[in-house]
């Protein structure tokens, strides 16, 4: 059974960051943070189900962010 622990922690951190942005009424940054978190966690999920190497993704999930 695959582990989703790293994906959960990454998502939790992103949500916390977005909530801080919302408290400061920085809605654009909050939206960007949540959108980015959704994309990264979706990539991580695809890795978990076996399309890529799981451990490459979990070493640094920020590497999956396209700049």
C-alpha atoms as a PDB file:
ATOM      1  CA  UNK A   1       0.000   0.000   0.000  1.00  0.00           C
ATOM      2  CA  UNK A   2       1.509   3.349  -1.013  1.00  0.00           C
ATOM      3  CA  UNK A   3       2.289   6.011   1.521  1.00  0.00           C
ATOM      4  CA  UNK A   4       0.803   9.444   1.122  1.00  0.00           C
ATOM      5  CA  UNK A   5       2.554  10.927   4.150  1.00  0.00           C
ATOM      6  CA  UNK A   6       4.939  13.228   2.271  1.00  0.00           C
ATOM      7  CA  UNK A   7       2.182  14.418  -0.016  1.00  0.00           C
ATOM      8  CA  UNK A   8      -0.009  15.169   3.003  1.00  0.00           C
ATOM      9  CA  UNK A   9       2.720  17.186   4.745  1.00  0.00           C
ATOM     10  CA  UNK A  10       3.455  19.171   1.604  1.00  0.00           C
ATOM     11  CA  UNK A  11      -0.234  19.927   1.125  1.00  0.00           C
ATOM     12  CA  UNK A  12      -0.681  20.876   4.785  1.00  0.00           C
ATOM     13  CA  UNK A  13       2.259  23.296   4.567  1.00  0.00           C
ATOM     14  CA  UNK A  14       0.841  24.854   1.410  1.00  0.00           C
ATOM     15  CA  UNK A  15      -2.593  25.300   2.971  1.00  0.00           C
ATOM     16  CA  UNK A  16      -1.059  26.942   6.028  1.00  0.00           C
ATOM     17  CA  UNK A  17       0.897  29.305   3.770  1.00  0.00           C
ATOM     18  CA  UNK A  18      -2.252  30.148   1.782  1.00  0.00           C
ATOM     19  CA  UNK A  19      -4.188  30.850   4.992  1.00  0.00           C
ATOM     20  CA  UNK A  20      -1.506  33.310   6.070  1.00  0.00           C
ATOM     21  CA  UNK A  21      -1.806  35.037   2.696  1.00  0.00           C
ATOM     22  CA  UNK A  22      -5.593  35.213   3.113  1.00  0.00           C
ATOM     23  CA  UNK A  23      -5.234  36.773   6.566  1.00  0.00           C
ATOM     24  CA  UNK A  24      -3.111  39.483   4.958  1.00  0.00           C
ATOM     25  CA  UNK A  25      -5.739  39.805   2.196  1.00  0.00           C
ATOM     26  CA  UNK A  26      -3.189  38.747  -0.400  1.00  0.00           C
ATOM     27  CA  UNK A  27      -5.673  36.771  -2.461  1.00  0.00           C
ATOM     28  CA  UNK A  28      -3.488  36.405  -5.553  1.00  0.00           C
ATOM     29  CA  UNK A  29      -0.657  34.805  -3.585  1.00  0.00           C
ATOM     30  CA  UNK A  30      -3.092  32.476  -1.806  1.00  0.00           C
ATOM     31  CA  UNK A  31      -4.585  31.362  -5.102  1.00  0.00           C
ATOM     32  CA  UNK A  32      -1.126  30.798  -6.591  1.00  0.00           C
ATOM     33  CA  UNK A  33      -0.022  28.774  -3.555  1.00  0.00           C
ATOM     34  CA  UNK A  34      -3.111  26.556  -3.628  1.00  0.00           C
ATOM     35  CA  UNK A  35      -2.978  26.064  -7.392  1.00  0.00           C
ATOM     36  CA  UNK A  36       0.681  25.129  -7.180  1.00  0.00           C
ATOM     37  CA  UNK A  37      -0.014  22.733  -4.294  1.00  0.00           C
ATOM     38  CA  UNK A  38      -2.781  21.058  -6.279  1.00  0.00           C
ATOM     39  CA  UNK A  39      -0.493  20.571  -9.267  1.00  0.00           C
ATOM     40  CA  UNK A  40       2.431  19.264  -7.223  1.00  0.00           C
ATOM     41  CA  UNK A  41       0.322  16.859  -5.174  1.00  0.00           C
ATOM     42  CA  UNK A  42      -1.331  15.560  -8.339  1.00  0.00           C
ATOM     43  CA  UNK A  43       2.113  14.856  -9.779  1.00  0.00           C
ATOM     44  CA  UNK A  44       3.099  13.163  -6.521  1.00  0.00           C
ATOM     45  CA  UNK A  45      -0.061  11.034  -6.631  1.00  0.00           C
ATOM     46  CA  UNK A  46       0.737   9.933 -10.168  1.00  0.00           C
ATOM     47  CA  UNK A  47       4.201   8.949  -9.020  1.00  0.00           C
ATOM     48  CA  UNK A  48       2.781   6.925  -6.127  1.00  0.00           C
ATOM     49  CA  UNK A  49       0.517   4.903  -8.395  1.00  0.00           C
ATOM     50  CA  UNK A  50       3.533   3.773 -10.367  1.00  0.00           C
ATOM     51  CA  UNK A  51       4.081   5.979 -13.382  1.00  0.00           C
ATOM     52  CA  UNK A  52       7.477   7.251 -12.191  1.00  0.00           C
ATOM     53  CA  UNK A  53      10.019   6.708  -9.435  1.00  0.00           C
ATOM     54  CA  UNK A  54       8.286   7.528  -6.129  1.00  0.00           C
ATOM     55  CA  UNK A  55      11.464   8.389  -4.256  1.00  0.00           C
ATOM     56  CA  UNK A  56      12.583  11.004  -6.781  1.00  0.00           C
ATOM     57  CA  UNK A  57       9.374  12.894  -6.147  1.00  0.00           C
ATOM     58  CA  UNK A  58       9.551  12.684  -2.359  1.00  0.00           C
ATOM     59  CA  UNK A  59      13.162  13.817  -2.037  1.00  0.00           C
ATOM     60  CA  UNK A  60      12.116  17.354  -2.869  1.00  0.00           C
ATOM     61  CA  UNK A  61       8.536  17.990  -3.995  1.00  0.00           C
ATOM     62  CA  UNK A  62       9.499  21.569  -4.860  1.00  0.00           C
ATOM     63  CA  UNK A  63      11.528  20.181  -7.789  1.00  0.00           C
ATOM     64  CA  UNK A  64       8.196  19.386  -9.477  1.00  0.00           C
ATOM     65  CA  UNK A  65       7.223  23.057  -9.572  1.00  0.00           C
ATOM     66  CA  UNK A  66       7.609  24.416 -13.078  1.00  0.00           C
ATOM     67  CA  UNK A  67       9.144  27.869 -13.115  1.00  0.00           C
END
